[in-house]
Amino acid sequence: MKNRSDTWFLVSAGVLFGLFLLNIFLGKAALTFDMEPILTIGDVGEFLILLAAVICFVIVVLHLESQQSDVKTKSAKNAEEDI
């Protein structure tokens, strides 16, 4: 990860996904132990959190793939120049 924004997007994706999982586990625990849920986000909130996590993750993956393809393109151009 060369870019600071890559790290930020990856950390954001992890935090958002962790929040999504925390909501799922707390809801399941509340149902199992017949308690009130501590954290209630709702269906739309869960969807938006998961969507934001996926978007952040896809941004990181696409940026890393573009960096790798740039390296491959540069090495291919250098190989052509050597011939």
N, C-alpha and C. Protein backbone atom coordinates (compact mmCIF):
# COMPACT_ATOMS: atom_id res chain seq x y z
N MET A 1 0.83 -1.17 0.00
CA MET A 1 0.00 0.00 0.00
C MET A 1 0.88 1.23 0.00
N LYS A 2 0.92 1.88 -1.12
CA LYS A 2 1.77 3.04 -1.23
C LYS A 2 1.03 4.32 -0.86
N ASN A 3 -0.26 4.32 -1.04
CA ASN A 3 -1.05 5.51 -0.83
C ASN A 3 -1.66 5.53 0.56
N ARG A 4 -1.71 6.71 1.14
CA ARG A 4 -2.34 6.84 2.45
C ARG A 4 -3.85 6.63 2.34
N SER A 5 -4.43 7.03 1.22
CA SER A 5 -5.87 6.86 1.04
C SER A 5 -6.24 5.38 0.95
N ASP A 6 -5.35 4.55 0.40
CA ASP A 6 -5.60 3.10 0.36
C ASP A 6 -5.76 2.55 1.77
N THR A 7 -4.86 2.96 2.65
CA THR A 7 -4.91 2.50 4.02
C THR A 7 -6.19 2.98 4.70
N TRP A 8 -6.55 4.24 4.44
CA TRP A 8 -7.75 4.79 5.04
C TRP A 8 -8.99 4.04 4.58
N PHE A 9 -9.08 3.75 3.29
CA PHE A 9 -10.24 3.02 2.77
C PHE A 9 -10.28 1.60 3.32
N LEU A 10 -9.14 0.95 3.45
CA LEU A 10 -9.11 -0.41 3.98
C LEU A 10 -9.50 -0.45 5.46
N VAL A 11 -9.02 0.50 6.23
CA VAL A 11 -9.39 0.58 7.64
C VAL A 11 -10.88 0.89 7.76
N SER A 12 -11.39 1.78 6.93
CA SER A 12 -12.82 2.11 6.96
C SER A 12 -13.66 0.88 6.63
N ALA A 13 -13.24 0.12 5.63
CA ALA A 13 -13.98 -1.09 5.28
C ALA A 13 -13.98 -2.07 6.45
N GLY A 14 -12.86 -2.23 7.12
CA GLY A 14 -12.78 -3.13 8.26
C GLY A 14 -13.64 -2.68 9.43
N VAL A 15 -13.62 -1.38 9.72
CA VAL A 15 -14.42 -0.86 10.83
C VAL A 15 -15.91 -0.99 10.52
N LEU A 16 -16.31 -0.65 9.31
CA LEU A 16 -17.73 -0.76 8.94
C LEU A 16 -18.21 -2.20 8.96
N PHE A 17 -17.39 -3.11 8.45
CA PHE A 17 -17.77 -4.52 8.47
C PHE A 17 -17.82 -5.04 9.90
N GLY A 18 -16.88 -4.58 10.74
CA GLY A 18 -16.91 -4.96 12.15
C GLY A 18 -18.17 -4.46 12.85
N LEU A 19 -18.59 -3.25 12.52
CA LEU A 19 -19.82 -2.71 13.08
C LEU A 19 -21.02 -3.53 12.63
N PHE A 20 -21.02 -3.94 11.38
CA PHE A 20 -22.09 -4.79 10.85
C PHE A 20 -22.15 -6.12 11.61
N LEU A 21 -20.99 -6.76 11.78
CA LEU A 21 -20.94 -8.03 12.50
C LEU A 21 -21.33 -7.87 13.97
N LEU A 22 -20.89 -6.78 14.59
CA LEU A 22 -21.25 -6.52 15.98
C LEU A 22 -22.76 -6.41 16.12
N ASN A 23 -23.41 -5.72 15.20
CA ASN A 23 -24.86 -5.60 15.23
C ASN A 23 -25.53 -6.96 15.09
N ILE A 24 -25.01 -7.79 14.19
CA ILE A 24 -25.58 -9.12 13.99
C ILE A 24 -25.44 -9.96 15.26
N PHE A 25 -24.24 -9.99 15.84
CA PHE A 25 -24.00 -10.81 17.03
C PHE A 25 -24.78 -10.31 18.25
N LEU A 26 -24.87 -8.99 18.41
CA LEU A 26 -25.63 -8.46 19.55
C LEU A 26 -27.12 -8.75 19.39
N GLY A 27 -27.62 -8.68 18.17
CA GLY A 27 -29.03 -9.01 17.92
C GLY A 27 -29.31 -10.48 18.19
N LYS A 28 -28.40 -11.34 17.76
CA LYS A 28 -28.57 -12.78 18.01
C LYS A 28 -28.50 -13.10 19.50
N ALA A 29 -27.58 -12.46 20.21
CA ALA A 29 -27.46 -12.68 21.65
C ALA A 29 -28.71 -12.19 22.37
N ALA A 30 -29.25 -11.06 21.93
CA ALA A 30 -30.47 -10.54 22.56
C ALA A 30 -31.63 -11.50 22.35
N LEU A 31 -31.73 -12.10 21.17
CA LEU A 31 -32.80 -13.06 20.92
C LEU A 31 -32.60 -14.34 21.74
N THR A 32 -31.37 -14.79 21.83
CA THR A 32 -31.07 -16.03 22.55
C THR A 32 -31.34 -15.90 24.05
N PHE A 33 -30.94 -14.78 24.63
CA PHE A 33 -31.07 -14.60 26.07
C PHE A 33 -32.31 -13.80 26.47
N ASP A 34 -33.19 -13.55 25.50
CA ASP A 34 -34.46 -12.85 25.74
C ASP A 34 -34.25 -11.50 26.43
N MET A 35 -33.37 -10.68 25.81
CA MET A 35 -33.07 -9.35 26.33
C MET A 35 -33.40 -8.31 25.26
N GLU A 36 -33.31 -7.04 25.64
CA GLU A 36 -33.42 -5.95 24.67
C GLU A 36 -32.08 -5.80 23.97
N PRO A 37 -32.10 -5.64 22.65
CA PRO A 37 -30.82 -5.44 21.96
C PRO A 37 -30.15 -4.12 22.37
N ILE A 38 -28.85 -4.15 22.53
CA ILE A 38 -28.10 -2.95 22.91
C ILE A 38 -28.00 -1.99 21.73
N LEU A 39 -27.72 -2.53 20.58
CA LEU A 39 -27.51 -1.73 19.38
C LEU A 39 -28.59 -2.12 18.36
N THR A 40 -29.44 -1.17 17.99
CA THR A 40 -30.45 -1.45 16.97
C THR A 40 -30.25 -0.49 15.82
N ILE A 41 -29.81 -1.02 14.71
CA ILE A 41 -29.56 -0.19 13.53
C ILE A 41 -30.73 -0.29 12.55
N GLY A 42 -31.33 -1.44 12.45
CA GLY A 42 -32.43 -1.63 11.52
C GLY A 42 -31.94 -2.22 10.21
N ASP A 43 -32.89 -2.64 9.39
CA ASP A 43 -32.55 -3.30 8.13
C ASP A 43 -31.85 -2.35 7.15
N VAL A 44 -32.39 -1.16 7.00
CA VAL A 44 -31.81 -0.19 6.06
C VAL A 44 -30.44 0.24 6.54
N GLY A 45 -30.29 0.43 7.84
CA GLY A 45 -28.99 0.80 8.39
C GLY A 45 -27.95 -0.27 8.16
N GLU A 46 -28.34 -1.53 8.38
CA GLU A 46 -27.42 -2.64 8.12
C GLU A 46 -27.00 -2.66 6.65
N PHE A 47 -27.97 -2.46 5.77
CA PHE A 47 -27.67 -2.46 4.34
C PHE A 47 -26.69 -1.35 4.00
N LEU A 48 -26.93 -0.15 4.52
CA LEU A 48 -26.06 0.98 4.20
C LEU A 48 -24.65 0.80 4.75
N ILE A 49 -24.54 0.23 5.95
CA ILE A 49 -23.22 -0.02 6.53
C ILE A 49 -22.47 -1.05 5.70
N LEU A 50 -23.14 -2.14 5.33
CA LEU A 50 -22.49 -3.16 4.53
C LEU A 50 -22.14 -2.64 3.14
N LEU A 51 -23.02 -1.83 2.55
CA LEU A 51 -22.73 -1.23 1.24
C LEU A 51 -21.51 -0.32 1.30
N ALA A 52 -21.42 0.50 2.33
CA ALA A 52 -20.26 1.38 2.48
C ALA A 52 -18.98 0.58 2.67
N ALA A 53 -19.03 -0.51 3.43
CA ALA A 53 -17.85 -1.36 3.63
C ALA A 53 -17.41 -1.98 2.32
N VAL A 54 -18.36 -2.47 1.54
CA VAL A 54 -18.02 -3.10 0.26
C VAL A 54 -17.45 -2.07 -0.72
N ILE A 55 -18.01 -0.87 -0.75
CA ILE A 55 -17.50 0.17 -1.64
C ILE A 55 -16.08 0.54 -1.27
N CYS A 56 -15.80 0.71 0.01
CA CYS A 56 -14.42 1.03 0.43
C CYS A 56 -13.46 -0.08 0.05
N PHE A 57 -13.87 -1.34 0.24
CA PHE A 57 -13.02 -2.46 -0.10
C PHE A 57 -12.76 -2.54 -1.60
N VAL A 58 -13.78 -2.31 -2.40
CA VAL A 58 -13.63 -2.36 -3.86
C VAL A 58 -12.71 -1.24 -4.34
N ILE A 59 -12.79 -0.07 -3.73
CA ILE A 59 -11.89 1.03 -4.10
C ILE A 59 -10.44 0.62 -3.88
N VAL A 60 -10.16 0.00 -2.74
CA VAL A 60 -8.79 -0.43 -2.44
C VAL A 60 -8.32 -1.48 -3.44
N VAL A 61 -9.15 -2.47 -3.71
CA VAL A 61 -8.77 -3.55 -4.62
C VAL A 61 -8.53 -3.02 -6.03
N LEU A 62 -9.40 -2.15 -6.51
CA LEU A 62 -9.21 -1.60 -7.87
C LEU A 62 -7.96 -0.75 -7.95
N HIS A 63 -7.68 0.01 -6.90
CA HIS A 63 -6.46 0.84 -6.92
C HIS A 63 -5.21 -0.03 -6.91
N LEU A 64 -5.21 -1.09 -6.10
CA LEU A 64 -4.04 -1.99 -6.07
C LEU A 64 -3.87 -2.72 -7.40
N GLU A 65 -4.96 -3.12 -8.03
CA GLU A 65 -4.87 -3.78 -9.33
C GLU A 65 -4.33 -2.82 -10.39
N SER A 66 -4.73 -1.56 -10.32
CA SER A 66 -4.22 -0.60 -11.31
C SER A 66 -2.73 -0.36 -11.11
N GLN A 67 -2.27 -0.37 -9.85
CA GLN A 67 -0.84 -0.23 -9.59
C GLN A 67 -0.06 -1.43 -10.13
N GLN A 68 -0.60 -2.63 -9.97
CA GLN A 68 0.07 -3.82 -10.45
C GLN A 68 0.11 -3.84 -11.98
N SER A 69 -0.97 -3.40 -12.61
CA SER A 69 -0.98 -3.41 -14.08
C SER A 69 -0.02 -2.35 -14.62
N ASP A 70 0.17 -1.24 -13.89
CA ASP A 70 1.14 -0.23 -14.31
C ASP A 70 2.55 -0.80 -14.27
N VAL A 71 2.85 -1.58 -13.24
CA VAL A 71 4.18 -2.19 -13.12
C VAL A 71 4.39 -3.20 -14.24
N LYS A 72 3.36 -4.00 -14.55
CA LYS A 72 3.49 -4.98 -15.63
C LYS A 72 3.64 -4.29 -16.97
N THR A 73 2.92 -3.20 -17.19
CA THR A 73 3.01 -2.47 -18.46
C THR A 73 4.39 -1.86 -18.62
N LYS A 74 4.94 -1.29 -17.55
CA LYS A 74 6.27 -0.70 -17.62
C LYS A 74 7.33 -1.76 -17.90
N SER A 75 7.21 -2.94 -17.28
CA SER A 75 8.20 -3.98 -17.51
C SER A 75 8.06 -4.54 -18.92
N ALA A 76 6.84 -4.59 -19.46
CA ALA A 76 6.65 -5.06 -20.85
C ALA A 76 7.26 -4.06 -21.82
N LYS A 77 7.11 -2.77 -21.55
CA LYS A 77 7.69 -1.75 -22.44
C LYS A 77 9.22 -1.82 -22.39
N ASN A 78 9.78 -2.07 -21.21
CA ASN A 78 11.23 -2.19 -21.11
C ASN A 78 11.72 -3.42 -21.85
N ALA A 79 10.97 -4.50 -21.82
CA ALA A 79 11.35 -5.72 -22.54
C ALA A 79 11.30 -5.49 -24.04
N GLU A 80 10.33 -4.73 -24.52
CA GLU A 80 10.24 -4.43 -25.96
C GLU A 80 11.38 -3.55 -26.40
N GLU A 81 11.80 -2.62 -25.54
CA GLU A 81 12.91 -1.74 -25.89
C GLU A 81 14.22 -2.50 -25.96
N ASP A 82 14.37 -3.56 -25.16
CA ASP A 82 15.58 -4.36 -25.16
C ASP A 82 15.72 -5.19 -26.44
N ILE A 83 14.59 -5.49 -27.07
CA ILE A 83 14.62 -6.33 -28.27
C ILE A 83 14.99 -5.51 -29.42
